[in-house]
Amino acid sequence: MTDHDLLIEKLGREMRPVKPLRSTGWRVIRWLALALPCGILASLLVQRSFTDWSQPGAMQAMVQLVLAFVLGTLAIRSAFNMSIPGRRSISWKALLPIALLWLGISLSQIPGQAPIEHDNDSTRCFTFLLVVSTPMMALMIASLRRTRALHPVRSLAMAGLGVSCMAVTLLAFCHPVHLHPLDFVMHLAAIVTIVAMTVLVGKRWVTMK
């Protein structure tokens, strides 16, 4: 087409208004309002028992829960910001102290004399985290897909961290106060798996066109 004015006019007629994005804070709140109920519903598919908050060490478990939720919220916020050019996101260095504090408290919740026999509780923990995180992961990828990303792997890795932290938060409501060493290992393995799955699955959908 050699008539540039006609081409511009044609493209102008086909253009549709772009709906502006809400603020990052609103997007985080909206995601939490959708993702957490979905995670709770998914938890009904997994065998679980509720936490006995009257046990010694319950206060540390509550602190763990709060730290996981705060870390997850900050990671989700950072993932949303990273998907928009020019937005400043939270550095992983800023999240590291919270993660290390959660890690330290988790280690302190492991009894000195852990029982040798542990049934299959650790495997159930791993399964719970993966099942609960699946709908939240799908919602996260769908949310990031709308804005795409200049660095999709970084955005998705941060999003995966946020999803895994929210899954750990839900696990705190149906897990013994004290941890078995195998529990701790399986929790970490589940977190790594969730982050990897978020990147691998989301990389196809969250790209800059």
N, C-alpha and C. Protein backbone atom coordinates (compact mmCIF):
# COMPACT_ATOMS: atom_id res chain seq x y z
N MET A 1 0.85 -1.19 0.00
CA MET A 1 0.00 0.00 0.00
C MET A 1 0.89 1.24 0.00
N THR A 2 0.71 2.06 -1.02
CA THR A 2 1.56 3.24 -1.16
C THR A 2 0.92 4.49 -0.59
N ASP A 3 -0.37 4.50 -0.37
CA ASP A 3 -1.05 5.66 0.18
C ASP A 3 -0.96 5.62 1.70
N HIS A 4 0.01 6.33 2.25
CA HIS A 4 0.24 6.27 3.69
C HIS A 4 -0.91 6.87 4.48
N ASP A 5 -1.50 7.92 3.96
CA ASP A 5 -2.63 8.55 4.66
C ASP A 5 -3.80 7.58 4.77
N LEU A 6 -4.04 6.84 3.69
CA LEU A 6 -5.13 5.86 3.72
C LEU A 6 -4.83 4.74 4.72
N LEU A 7 -3.56 4.33 4.75
CA LEU A 7 -3.16 3.28 5.71
C LEU A 7 -3.34 3.76 7.14
N ILE A 8 -2.92 4.99 7.42
CA ILE A 8 -3.05 5.54 8.77
C ILE A 8 -4.52 5.64 9.16
N GLU A 9 -5.35 6.09 8.21
CA GLU A 9 -6.78 6.21 8.48
C GLU A 9 -7.40 4.84 8.76
N LYS A 10 -6.98 3.83 7.99
CA LYS A 10 -7.51 2.48 8.18
C LYS A 10 -7.11 1.93 9.54
N LEU A 11 -5.84 2.11 9.89
CA LEU A 11 -5.38 1.62 11.19
C LEU A 11 -6.06 2.36 12.33
N GLY A 12 -6.30 3.67 12.12
CA GLY A 12 -6.97 4.46 13.15
C GLY A 12 -8.39 3.99 13.41
N ARG A 13 -9.07 3.56 12.36
CA ARG A 13 -10.43 3.05 12.54
C ARG A 13 -10.45 1.72 13.27
N GLU A 14 -9.40 0.93 13.07
CA GLU A 14 -9.35 -0.41 13.69
C GLU A 14 -8.84 -0.39 15.12
N MET A 15 -8.27 0.70 15.53
CA MET A 15 -7.73 0.78 16.89
C MET A 15 -8.85 0.81 17.92
N ARG A 16 -8.62 0.16 19.01
CA ARG A 16 -9.56 0.15 20.12
C ARG A 16 -8.89 0.73 21.36
N PRO A 17 -9.65 1.41 22.20
CA PRO A 17 -9.05 1.98 23.41
C PRO A 17 -8.50 0.89 24.31
N VAL A 18 -7.35 1.17 24.90
CA VAL A 18 -6.70 0.23 25.81
C VAL A 18 -7.13 0.53 27.24
N LYS A 19 -7.62 -0.48 27.90
CA LYS A 19 -8.05 -0.30 29.28
C LYS A 19 -6.82 -0.13 30.17
N PRO A 20 -6.71 0.98 30.89
CA PRO A 20 -5.51 1.20 31.71
C PRO A 20 -5.44 0.22 32.88
N LEU A 21 -4.22 -0.09 33.27
CA LEU A 21 -4.02 -1.00 34.39
C LEU A 21 -4.31 -0.29 35.71
N ARG A 22 -4.84 -1.03 36.65
CA ARG A 22 -5.00 -0.51 37.99
C ARG A 22 -3.62 -0.37 38.63
N SER A 23 -3.58 0.28 39.77
CA SER A 23 -2.32 0.42 40.51
C SER A 23 -1.84 -0.95 40.95
N THR A 24 -0.54 -1.06 41.19
CA THR A 24 0.03 -2.35 41.59
C THR A 24 -0.58 -2.84 42.89
N GLY A 25 -0.79 -1.93 43.83
CA GLY A 25 -1.39 -2.33 45.11
C GLY A 25 -2.76 -2.94 44.93
N TRP A 26 -3.57 -2.33 44.05
CA TRP A 26 -4.91 -2.88 43.77
C TRP A 26 -4.81 -4.23 43.10
N ARG A 27 -3.87 -4.40 42.18
CA ARG A 27 -3.71 -5.68 41.49
C ARG A 27 -3.31 -6.78 42.48
N VAL A 28 -2.46 -6.44 43.44
CA VAL A 28 -2.05 -7.42 44.46
C VAL A 28 -3.25 -7.83 45.31
N ILE A 29 -4.03 -6.83 45.76
CA ILE A 29 -5.21 -7.12 46.58
C ILE A 29 -6.20 -7.98 45.81
N ARG A 30 -6.41 -7.65 44.54
CA ARG A 30 -7.36 -8.41 43.71
C ARG A 30 -6.86 -9.84 43.53
N TRP A 31 -5.56 -9.99 43.30
CA TRP A 31 -5.01 -11.34 43.13
C TRP A 31 -5.18 -12.15 44.41
N LEU A 32 -4.87 -11.55 45.54
CA LEU A 32 -5.02 -12.25 46.82
C LEU A 32 -6.47 -12.65 47.07
N ALA A 33 -7.39 -11.74 46.74
CA ALA A 33 -8.81 -12.02 46.96
C ALA A 33 -9.30 -13.19 46.10
N LEU A 34 -8.68 -13.41 44.94
CA LEU A 34 -9.05 -14.53 44.08
C LEU A 34 -8.24 -15.78 44.39
N ALA A 35 -6.93 -15.61 44.61
CA ALA A 35 -6.04 -16.75 44.71
C ALA A 35 -6.19 -17.51 46.03
N LEU A 36 -6.29 -16.80 47.14
CA LEU A 36 -6.36 -17.49 48.44
C LEU A 36 -7.62 -18.36 48.56
N PRO A 37 -8.80 -17.87 48.20
CA PRO A 37 -9.96 -18.78 48.23
C PRO A 37 -9.80 -19.99 47.32
N CYS A 38 -9.19 -19.79 46.15
CA CYS A 38 -8.94 -20.92 45.25
C CYS A 38 -7.99 -21.92 45.89
N GLY A 39 -6.96 -21.42 46.56
CA GLY A 39 -6.03 -22.30 47.26
C GLY A 39 -6.70 -23.06 48.38
N ILE A 40 -7.59 -22.37 49.11
CA ILE A 40 -8.32 -23.03 50.21
C ILE A 40 -9.22 -24.14 49.66
N LEU A 41 -9.91 -23.85 48.56
CA LEU A 41 -10.77 -24.87 47.95
C LEU A 41 -9.94 -26.06 47.45
N ALA A 42 -8.77 -25.78 46.88
CA ALA A 42 -7.90 -26.87 46.41
C ALA A 42 -7.41 -27.72 47.57
N SER A 43 -7.25 -27.11 48.75
CA SER A 43 -6.76 -27.88 49.90
C SER A 43 -7.76 -28.94 50.34
N LEU A 44 -9.02 -28.79 49.93
CA LEU A 44 -10.02 -29.80 50.29
C LEU A 44 -9.77 -31.12 49.58
N LEU A 45 -8.94 -31.09 48.53
CA LEU A 45 -8.62 -32.31 47.79
C LEU A 45 -7.53 -33.13 48.47
N VAL A 46 -6.90 -32.54 49.49
CA VAL A 46 -5.74 -33.18 50.12
C VAL A 46 -6.07 -33.53 51.56
N GLN A 47 -5.59 -34.68 52.00
CA GLN A 47 -5.78 -35.09 53.38
C GLN A 47 -5.03 -34.13 54.30
N ARG A 48 -5.70 -33.61 55.32
CA ARG A 48 -5.07 -32.64 56.20
C ARG A 48 -5.79 -32.64 57.54
N SER A 49 -5.14 -32.06 58.53
CA SER A 49 -5.75 -31.84 59.85
C SER A 49 -5.37 -30.43 60.29
N PHE A 50 -6.23 -29.80 61.06
CA PHE A 50 -6.00 -28.42 61.44
C PHE A 50 -4.93 -28.30 62.52
N THR A 51 -4.25 -27.19 62.52
CA THR A 51 -3.17 -26.93 63.47
C THR A 51 -3.74 -26.75 64.88
N ASP A 52 -3.07 -27.34 65.85
CA ASP A 52 -3.43 -27.16 67.26
C ASP A 52 -2.62 -25.98 67.79
N TRP A 53 -3.26 -24.80 67.84
CA TRP A 53 -2.55 -23.59 68.25
C TRP A 53 -2.33 -23.51 69.76
N SER A 54 -2.80 -24.52 70.51
CA SER A 54 -2.58 -24.53 71.96
C SER A 54 -1.25 -25.19 72.32
N GLN A 55 -0.57 -25.78 71.36
CA GLN A 55 0.69 -26.47 71.62
C GLN A 55 1.81 -25.48 71.90
N PRO A 56 2.81 -25.90 72.70
CA PRO A 56 4.00 -25.04 72.89
C PRO A 56 4.68 -24.78 71.56
N GLY A 57 5.13 -23.57 71.36
CA GLY A 57 5.77 -23.20 70.10
C GLY A 57 4.79 -22.64 69.08
N ALA A 58 3.51 -22.50 69.48
CA ALA A 58 2.51 -21.98 68.55
C ALA A 58 2.81 -20.54 68.16
N MET A 59 3.40 -19.76 69.09
CA MET A 59 3.71 -18.38 68.78
C MET A 59 4.73 -18.27 67.64
N GLN A 60 5.76 -19.14 67.68
CA GLN A 60 6.74 -19.14 66.59
C GLN A 60 6.09 -19.54 65.27
N ALA A 61 5.15 -20.48 65.34
CA ALA A 61 4.45 -20.90 64.13
C ALA A 61 3.62 -19.75 63.56
N MET A 62 3.02 -18.95 64.44
CA MET A 62 2.25 -17.80 63.98
C MET A 62 3.17 -16.76 63.33
N VAL A 63 4.36 -16.58 63.90
CA VAL A 63 5.32 -15.64 63.32
C VAL A 63 5.75 -16.13 61.94
N GLN A 64 5.97 -17.45 61.83
CA GLN A 64 6.30 -18.03 60.53
C GLN A 64 5.20 -17.74 59.50
N LEU A 65 3.97 -17.93 59.93
CA LEU A 65 2.83 -17.69 59.04
C LEU A 65 2.82 -16.24 58.54
N VAL A 66 3.00 -15.31 59.46
CA VAL A 66 2.98 -13.89 59.09
C VAL A 66 4.15 -13.57 58.15
N LEU A 67 5.32 -14.10 58.46
CA LEU A 67 6.49 -13.84 57.61
C LEU A 67 6.28 -14.39 56.20
N ALA A 68 5.71 -15.60 56.10
CA ALA A 68 5.46 -16.19 54.78
C ALA A 68 4.47 -15.34 54.00
N PHE A 69 3.43 -14.85 54.68
CA PHE A 69 2.43 -14.03 53.99
C PHE A 69 3.02 -12.70 53.53
N VAL A 70 3.80 -12.06 54.40
CA VAL A 70 4.42 -10.78 54.04
C VAL A 70 5.40 -10.97 52.87
N LEU A 71 6.23 -12.01 52.96
CA LEU A 71 7.19 -12.29 51.89
C LEU A 71 6.46 -12.57 50.58
N GLY A 72 5.38 -13.36 50.65
CA GLY A 72 4.63 -13.67 49.44
C GLY A 72 3.98 -12.43 48.83
N THR A 73 3.42 -11.57 49.67
CA THR A 73 2.79 -10.35 49.18
C THR A 73 3.80 -9.44 48.51
N LEU A 74 4.96 -9.28 49.13
CA LEU A 74 6.01 -8.43 48.54
C LEU A 74 6.52 -9.01 47.23
N ALA A 75 6.65 -10.34 47.17
CA ALA A 75 7.13 -10.98 45.94
C ALA A 75 6.11 -10.82 44.81
N ILE A 76 4.82 -10.97 45.12
CA ILE A 76 3.78 -10.79 44.11
C ILE A 76 3.79 -9.35 43.62
N ARG A 77 3.89 -8.40 44.53
CA ARG A 77 3.95 -6.99 44.15
C ARG A 77 5.15 -6.73 43.24
N SER A 78 6.29 -7.30 43.60
CA SER A 78 7.50 -7.11 42.80
C SER A 78 7.33 -7.72 41.42
N ALA A 79 6.69 -8.90 41.33
CA ALA A 79 6.47 -9.54 40.02
C ALA A 79 5.59 -8.67 39.13
N PHE A 80 4.55 -8.07 39.70
CA PHE A 80 3.69 -7.17 38.92
C PHE A 80 4.47 -5.96 38.43
N ASN A 81 5.29 -5.38 39.29
CA ASN A 81 6.07 -4.20 38.89
C ASN A 81 7.12 -4.55 37.85
N MET A 82 7.73 -5.72 37.98
CA MET A 82 8.77 -6.13 37.03
C MET A 82 8.21 -6.33 35.62
N SER A 83 6.92 -6.59 35.52
CA SER A 83 6.33 -6.84 34.22
C SER A 83 6.02 -5.55 33.46
N ILE A 84 6.20 -4.39 34.09
CA ILE A 84 5.91 -3.11 33.44
C ILE A 84 7.19 -2.31 33.31
N PRO A 85 7.64 -1.99 32.11
CA PRO A 85 8.87 -1.22 31.93
C PRO A 85 8.81 0.11 32.67
N GLY A 86 9.91 0.43 33.32
CA GLY A 86 9.98 1.70 34.03
C GLY A 86 9.55 1.64 35.48
N ARG A 87 8.85 0.57 35.88
CA ARG A 87 8.43 0.44 37.27
C ARG A 87 9.58 -0.11 38.11
N ARG A 88 9.71 0.41 39.31
CA ARG A 88 10.74 -0.07 40.23
C ARG A 88 10.19 -1.23 41.04
N SER A 89 10.90 -2.34 41.02
CA SER A 89 10.47 -3.52 41.77
C SER A 89 11.37 -3.71 42.99
N ILE A 90 10.89 -4.53 43.90
CA ILE A 90 11.66 -4.82 45.11
C ILE A 90 12.77 -5.79 44.76
N SER A 91 13.98 -5.46 45.15
CA SER A 91 15.11 -6.33 44.87
C SER A 91 15.04 -7.59 45.74
N TRP A 92 15.58 -8.69 45.21
CA TRP A 92 15.62 -9.92 45.99
C TRP A 92 16.46 -9.74 47.25
N LYS A 93 17.39 -8.77 47.22
CA LYS A 93 18.21 -8.50 48.41
C LYS A 93 17.35 -7.94 49.54
N ALA A 94 16.30 -7.19 49.18
CA ALA A 94 15.41 -6.64 50.20
C ALA A 94 14.53 -7.73 50.81
N LEU A 95 14.23 -8.77 50.02
CA LEU A 95 13.40 -9.87 50.50
C LEU A 95 14.21 -10.90 51.29
N LEU A 96 15.51 -10.90 51.09
CA LEU A 96 16.36 -11.92 51.71
C LEU A 96 16.27 -11.94 53.23
N PRO A 97 16.31 -10.78 53.94
CA PRO A 97 16.22 -10.84 55.40
C PRO A 97 14.94 -11.51 55.91
N ILE A 98 13.81 -11.25 55.24
CA ILE A 98 12.55 -11.89 55.66
C ILE A 98 12.63 -13.39 55.42
N ALA A 99 13.19 -13.79 54.28
CA ALA A 99 13.32 -15.21 53.96
C ALA A 99 14.24 -15.91 54.96
N LEU A 100 15.34 -15.26 55.31
CA LEU A 100 16.28 -15.86 56.27
C LEU A 100 15.66 -15.96 57.66
N LEU A 101 14.86 -14.96 58.03
CA LEU A 101 14.19 -15.01 59.33
C LEU A 101 13.19 -16.15 59.37
N TRP A 102 12.42 -16.31 58.28
CA TRP A 102 11.49 -17.45 58.20
C TRP A 102 12.25 -18.77 58.28
N LEU A 103 13.39 -18.84 57.58
CA LEU A 103 14.19 -20.05 57.59
C LEU A 103 14.70 -20.37 58.99
N GLY A 104 15.18 -19.33 59.69
CA GLY A 104 15.71 -19.53 61.04
C GLY A 104 14.64 -20.01 62.01
N ILE A 105 13.46 -19.42 61.94
CA ILE A 105 12.38 -19.84 62.83
C ILE A 105 11.93 -21.26 62.50
N SER A 106 11.93 -21.59 61.21
CA SER A 106 11.57 -22.95 60.82
C SER A 106 12.54 -23.97 61.42
N LEU A 107 13.81 -23.65 61.35
CA LEU A 107 14.81 -24.56 61.92
C LEU A 107 14.65 -24.68 63.44
N SER A 108 14.27 -23.57 64.08
CA SER A 108 14.09 -23.60 65.53
C SER A 108 12.88 -24.43 65.94
N GLN A 109 11.97 -24.69 65.00
CA GLN A 109 10.78 -25.48 65.28
C GLN A 109 11.00 -26.98 65.14
N ILE A 110 12.23 -27.37 64.77
CA ILE A 110 12.56 -28.79 64.68
C ILE A 110 13.05 -29.27 66.04
N PRO A 111 12.35 -30.21 66.67
CA PRO A 111 12.77 -30.69 67.99
C PRO A 111 14.16 -31.31 67.94
N GLY A 112 14.86 -31.22 69.06
CA GLY A 112 16.20 -31.79 69.14
C GLY A 112 16.20 -33.30 68.98
N GLN A 113 15.16 -33.94 69.50
CA GLN A 113 15.03 -35.40 69.38
C GLN A 113 13.84 -35.72 68.48
N ALA A 114 14.03 -35.59 67.18
CA ALA A 114 12.94 -35.87 66.24
C ALA A 114 12.73 -37.37 66.14
N PRO A 115 11.48 -37.82 66.11
CA PRO A 115 11.21 -39.26 66.00
C PRO A 115 11.72 -39.81 64.68
N ILE A 116 12.24 -41.06 64.76
CA ILE A 116 12.75 -41.70 63.55
C ILE A 116 11.59 -42.04 62.61
N GLU A 117 10.50 -42.60 63.18
CA GLU A 117 9.34 -42.93 62.37
C GLU A 117 8.52 -41.67 62.13
N HIS A 118 8.10 -41.50 60.91
CA HIS A 118 7.37 -40.26 60.60
C HIS A 118 6.23 -40.53 59.63
N ASP A 119 5.80 -41.74 59.48
CA ASP A 119 4.73 -42.09 58.54
C ASP A 119 5.03 -41.49 57.17
N ASN A 120 4.02 -40.84 56.57
CA ASN A 120 4.21 -40.19 55.27
C ASN A 120 3.80 -38.73 55.32
N ASP A 121 3.93 -38.11 56.51
CA ASP A 121 3.49 -36.73 56.67
C ASP A 121 4.25 -35.79 55.74
N SER A 122 5.55 -36.02 55.57
CA SER A 122 6.35 -35.13 54.73
C SER A 122 5.88 -35.16 53.29
N THR A 123 5.55 -36.36 52.80
CA THR A 123 5.05 -36.47 51.43
C THR A 123 3.72 -35.75 51.29
N ARG A 124 2.88 -35.83 52.31
CA ARG A 124 1.59 -35.13 52.26
C ARG A 124 1.81 -33.62 52.25
N CYS A 125 2.83 -33.14 52.96
CA CYS A 125 3.15 -31.71 52.95
C CYS A 125 3.51 -31.27 51.53
N PHE A 126 4.36 -32.05 50.88
CA PHE A 126 4.79 -31.73 49.52
C PHE A 126 3.59 -31.70 48.57
N THR A 127 2.74 -32.72 48.69
CA THR A 127 1.55 -32.80 47.84
C THR A 127 0.61 -31.61 48.11
N PHE A 128 0.42 -31.30 49.38
CA PHE A 128 -0.45 -30.18 49.75
C PHE A 128 0.03 -28.89 49.10
N LEU A 129 1.31 -28.60 49.21
CA LEU A 129 1.85 -27.35 48.67
C LEU A 129 1.68 -27.28 47.16
N LEU A 130 1.91 -28.38 46.47
CA LEU A 130 1.77 -28.37 45.01
C LEU A 130 0.31 -28.22 44.59
N VAL A 131 -0.60 -28.94 45.27
CA VAL A 131 -2.02 -28.88 44.91
C VAL A 131 -2.57 -27.48 45.17
N VAL A 132 -2.25 -26.92 46.33
CA VAL A 132 -2.76 -25.60 46.71
C VAL A 132 -2.20 -24.51 45.79
N SER A 133 -0.95 -24.66 45.38
CA SER A 133 -0.31 -23.63 44.58
C SER A 133 -0.78 -23.62 43.12
N THR A 134 -1.32 -24.75 42.64
CA THR A 134 -1.67 -24.85 41.22
C THR A 134 -2.67 -23.79 40.75
N PRO A 135 -3.83 -23.62 41.42
CA PRO A 135 -4.74 -22.56 40.96
C PRO A 135 -4.17 -21.16 41.14
N MET A 136 -3.40 -20.96 42.20
CA MET A 136 -2.79 -19.65 42.42
C MET A 136 -1.75 -19.35 41.34
N MET A 137 -1.03 -20.37 40.93
CA MET A 137 -0.04 -20.22 39.86
C MET A 137 -0.73 -19.84 38.55
N ALA A 138 -1.85 -20.51 38.25
CA ALA A 138 -2.59 -20.21 37.02
C ALA A 138 -3.09 -18.77 37.02
N LEU A 139 -3.61 -18.31 38.14
CA LEU A 139 -4.08 -16.92 38.25
C LEU A 139 -2.93 -15.94 38.10
N MET A 140 -1.77 -16.29 38.65
CA MET A 140 -0.61 -15.40 38.56
C MET A 140 -0.14 -15.27 37.12
N ILE A 141 -0.05 -16.39 36.42
CA ILE A 141 0.38 -16.36 35.02
C ILE A 141 -0.62 -15.58 34.17
N ALA A 142 -1.91 -15.77 34.43
CA ALA A 142 -2.94 -15.04 33.68
C ALA A 142 -2.83 -13.53 33.94
N SER A 143 -2.51 -13.16 35.17
CA SER A 143 -2.36 -11.74 35.50
C SER A 143 -1.15 -11.13 34.82
N LEU A 144 -0.04 -11.86 34.80
CA LEU A 144 1.17 -11.34 34.16
C LEU A 144 1.03 -11.34 32.64
N ARG A 145 0.24 -12.23 32.12
CA ARG A 145 0.07 -12.32 30.66
C ARG A 145 -0.53 -11.03 30.09
N ARG A 146 -1.31 -10.34 30.89
CA ARG A 146 -1.97 -9.14 30.39
C ARG A 146 -0.96 -8.03 30.07
N THR A 147 0.10 -7.94 30.86
CA THR A 147 1.08 -6.87 30.65
C THR A 147 2.33 -7.37 29.93
N ARG A 148 2.46 -8.70 29.78
CA ARG A 148 3.70 -9.28 29.24
C ARG A 148 4.85 -8.92 30.16
N ALA A 149 6.10 -9.05 29.67
CA ALA A 149 7.25 -8.72 30.50
C ALA A 149 8.50 -8.62 29.64
N LEU A 150 9.35 -7.65 29.97
CA LEU A 150 10.63 -7.54 29.29
C LEU A 150 11.56 -8.68 29.70
N HIS A 151 11.45 -9.08 30.95
CA HIS A 151 12.28 -10.17 31.49
C HIS A 151 11.35 -11.21 32.11
N PRO A 152 10.72 -12.03 31.26
CA PRO A 152 9.69 -12.95 31.76
C PRO A 152 10.20 -13.95 32.79
N VAL A 153 11.42 -14.43 32.63
CA VAL A 153 11.93 -15.43 33.59
C VAL A 153 12.06 -14.81 34.97
N ARG A 154 12.59 -13.60 35.05
CA ARG A 154 12.73 -12.93 36.34
C ARG A 154 11.37 -12.65 36.97
N SER A 155 10.45 -12.17 36.16
CA SER A 155 9.11 -11.87 36.67
C SER A 155 8.42 -13.14 37.16
N LEU A 156 8.53 -14.21 36.38
CA LEU A 156 7.88 -15.46 36.74
C LEU A 156 8.53 -16.11 37.96
N ALA A 157 9.86 -15.99 38.08
CA ALA A 157 10.54 -16.55 39.25
C ALA A 157 10.08 -15.83 40.52
N MET A 158 9.96 -14.50 40.44
CA MET A 158 9.47 -13.75 41.59
C MET A 158 8.02 -14.11 41.89
N ALA A 159 7.22 -14.28 40.82
CA ALA A 159 5.83 -14.69 41.01
C ALA A 159 5.74 -16.08 41.64
N GLY A 160 6.62 -16.99 41.19
CA GLY A 160 6.64 -18.33 41.76
C GLY A 160 6.98 -18.32 43.24
N LEU A 161 7.90 -17.44 43.62
CA LEU A 161 8.24 -17.29 45.04
C LEU A 161 7.02 -16.82 45.82
N GLY A 162 6.30 -15.84 45.25
CA GLY A 162 5.11 -15.34 45.93
C GLY A 162 4.05 -16.41 46.09
N VAL A 163 3.82 -17.19 45.03
CA VAL A 163 2.82 -18.27 45.09
C VAL A 163 3.23 -19.32 46.12
N SER A 164 4.50 -19.69 46.14
CA SER A 164 4.95 -20.71 47.09
C SER A 164 4.80 -20.22 48.52
N CYS A 165 5.06 -18.94 48.76
CA CYS A 165 4.89 -18.38 50.11
C CYS A 165 3.43 -18.40 50.54
N MET A 166 2.52 -18.12 49.61
CA MET A 166 1.10 -18.18 49.95
C MET A 166 0.67 -19.62 50.23
N ALA A 167 1.24 -20.56 49.50
CA ALA A 167 0.94 -21.97 49.77
C ALA A 167 1.45 -22.38 51.15
N VAL A 168 2.64 -21.91 51.51
CA VAL A 168 3.20 -22.18 52.84
C VAL A 168 2.33 -21.54 53.92
N THR A 169 1.80 -20.36 53.63
CA THR A 169 0.90 -19.70 54.58
C THR A 169 -0.33 -20.55 54.84
N LEU A 170 -0.92 -21.11 53.80
CA LEU A 170 -2.09 -21.97 53.98
C LEU A 170 -1.73 -23.26 54.70
N LEU A 171 -0.53 -23.78 54.41
CA LEU A 171 -0.09 -25.01 55.08
C LEU A 171 0.01 -24.81 56.59
N ALA A 172 0.35 -23.60 57.02
CA ALA A 172 0.52 -23.34 58.45
C ALA A 172 -0.76 -23.57 59.24
N PHE A 173 -1.91 -23.52 58.57
CA PHE A 173 -3.18 -23.72 59.26
C PHE A 173 -3.55 -25.19 59.40
N CYS A 174 -2.79 -26.07 58.79
CA CYS A 174 -3.11 -27.51 58.88
C CYS A 174 -1.82 -28.33 58.95
N HIS A 175 -0.94 -27.92 59.85
CA HIS A 175 0.34 -28.61 60.01
C HIS A 175 0.72 -28.58 61.49
N PRO A 176 1.33 -29.65 62.00
CA PRO A 176 1.79 -29.60 63.40
C PRO A 176 2.69 -28.41 63.65
N VAL A 177 2.65 -27.91 64.87
CA VAL A 177 3.45 -26.73 65.23
C VAL A 177 4.94 -27.02 65.06
N HIS A 178 5.35 -28.21 65.50
CA HIS A 178 6.76 -28.58 65.39
C HIS A 178 7.02 -29.31 64.08
N LEU A 179 8.21 -29.10 63.56
CA LEU A 179 8.59 -29.69 62.27
C LEU A 179 9.48 -30.91 62.46
N HIS A 180 9.25 -31.91 61.64
CA HIS A 180 10.19 -33.02 61.51
C HIS A 180 11.23 -32.59 60.46
N PRO A 181 12.49 -33.01 60.59
CA PRO A 181 13.49 -32.62 59.58
C PRO A 181 13.07 -32.92 58.15
N LEU A 182 12.37 -34.05 57.95
CA LEU A 182 11.90 -34.39 56.60
C LEU A 182 10.84 -33.39 56.12
N ASP A 183 10.01 -32.91 57.06
CA ASP A 183 9.03 -31.88 56.71
C ASP A 183 9.74 -30.67 56.13
N PHE A 184 10.77 -30.23 56.84
CA PHE A 184 11.49 -29.03 56.44
C PHE A 184 12.10 -29.20 55.04
N VAL A 185 12.69 -30.36 54.81
CA VAL A 185 13.30 -30.64 53.50
C VAL A 185 12.24 -30.63 52.41
N MET A 186 11.10 -31.26 52.68
CA MET A 186 10.05 -31.33 51.67
C MET A 186 9.41 -29.97 51.43
N HIS A 187 9.33 -29.14 52.46
CA HIS A 187 8.81 -27.78 52.27
C HIS A 187 9.72 -27.01 51.31
N LEU A 188 11.02 -27.08 51.53
CA LEU A 188 11.96 -26.39 50.66
C LEU A 188 11.90 -26.95 49.24
N ALA A 189 11.79 -28.28 49.13
CA ALA A 189 11.70 -28.91 47.81
C ALA A 189 10.45 -28.45 47.07
N ALA A 190 9.34 -28.32 47.80
CA ALA A 190 8.10 -27.87 47.18
C ALA A 190 8.22 -26.42 46.71
N ILE A 191 8.87 -25.57 47.50
CA ILE A 191 9.05 -24.17 47.12
C ILE A 191 9.85 -24.08 45.83
N VAL A 192 10.95 -24.82 45.76
CA VAL A 192 11.78 -24.82 44.54
C VAL A 192 10.97 -25.34 43.35
N THR A 193 10.19 -26.39 43.57
CA THR A 193 9.38 -26.97 42.49
C THR A 193 8.34 -25.97 41.98
N ILE A 194 7.69 -25.26 42.90
CA ILE A 194 6.66 -24.29 42.51
C ILE A 194 7.26 -23.15 41.70
N VAL A 195 8.42 -22.66 42.14
CA VAL A 195 9.09 -21.59 41.39
C VAL A 195 9.46 -22.08 39.99
N ALA A 196 10.03 -23.29 39.91
CA ALA A 196 10.43 -23.83 38.61
C ALA A 196 9.23 -24.04 37.70
N MET A 197 8.14 -24.57 38.25
CA MET A 197 6.94 -24.81 37.45
C MET A 197 6.35 -23.49 36.94
N THR A 198 6.35 -22.48 37.78
CA THR A 198 5.81 -21.18 37.37
C THR A 198 6.61 -20.62 36.20
N VAL A 199 7.93 -20.75 36.26
CA VAL A 199 8.78 -20.25 35.17
C VAL A 199 8.56 -21.07 33.90
N LEU A 200 8.58 -22.40 34.03
CA LEU A 200 8.49 -23.26 32.85
C LEU A 200 7.13 -23.16 32.17
N VAL A 201 6.06 -23.15 32.98
CA VAL A 201 4.72 -23.07 32.40
C VAL A 201 4.43 -21.66 31.89
N GLY A 202 4.83 -20.66 32.67
CA GLY A 202 4.48 -19.29 32.31
C GLY A 202 5.31 -18.68 31.20
N LYS A 203 6.50 -19.23 30.96
CA LYS A 203 7.38 -18.63 29.96
C LYS A 203 6.75 -18.62 28.57
N ARG A 204 5.89 -19.58 28.30
CA ARG A 204 5.22 -19.64 27.00
C ARG A 204 4.20 -18.52 26.83
N TRP A 205 3.60 -18.09 27.97
CA TRP A 205 2.50 -17.14 27.90
C TRP A 205 2.91 -15.71 28.23
N VAL A 206 3.91 -15.57 29.11
CA VAL A 206 4.31 -14.22 29.56
C VAL A 206 5.55 -13.80 28.79
N THR A 207 5.36 -13.28 27.60
CA THR A 207 6.48 -12.81 26.78
C THR A 207 6.14 -11.46 26.20
N MET A 208 7.16 -10.70 25.87
CA MET A 208 6.96 -9.39 25.27
C MET A 208 6.80 -9.54 23.77
N LYS A 209 5.64 -9.17 23.26
CA LYS A 209 5.36 -9.26 21.83
C LYS A 209 5.88 -8.03 21.11
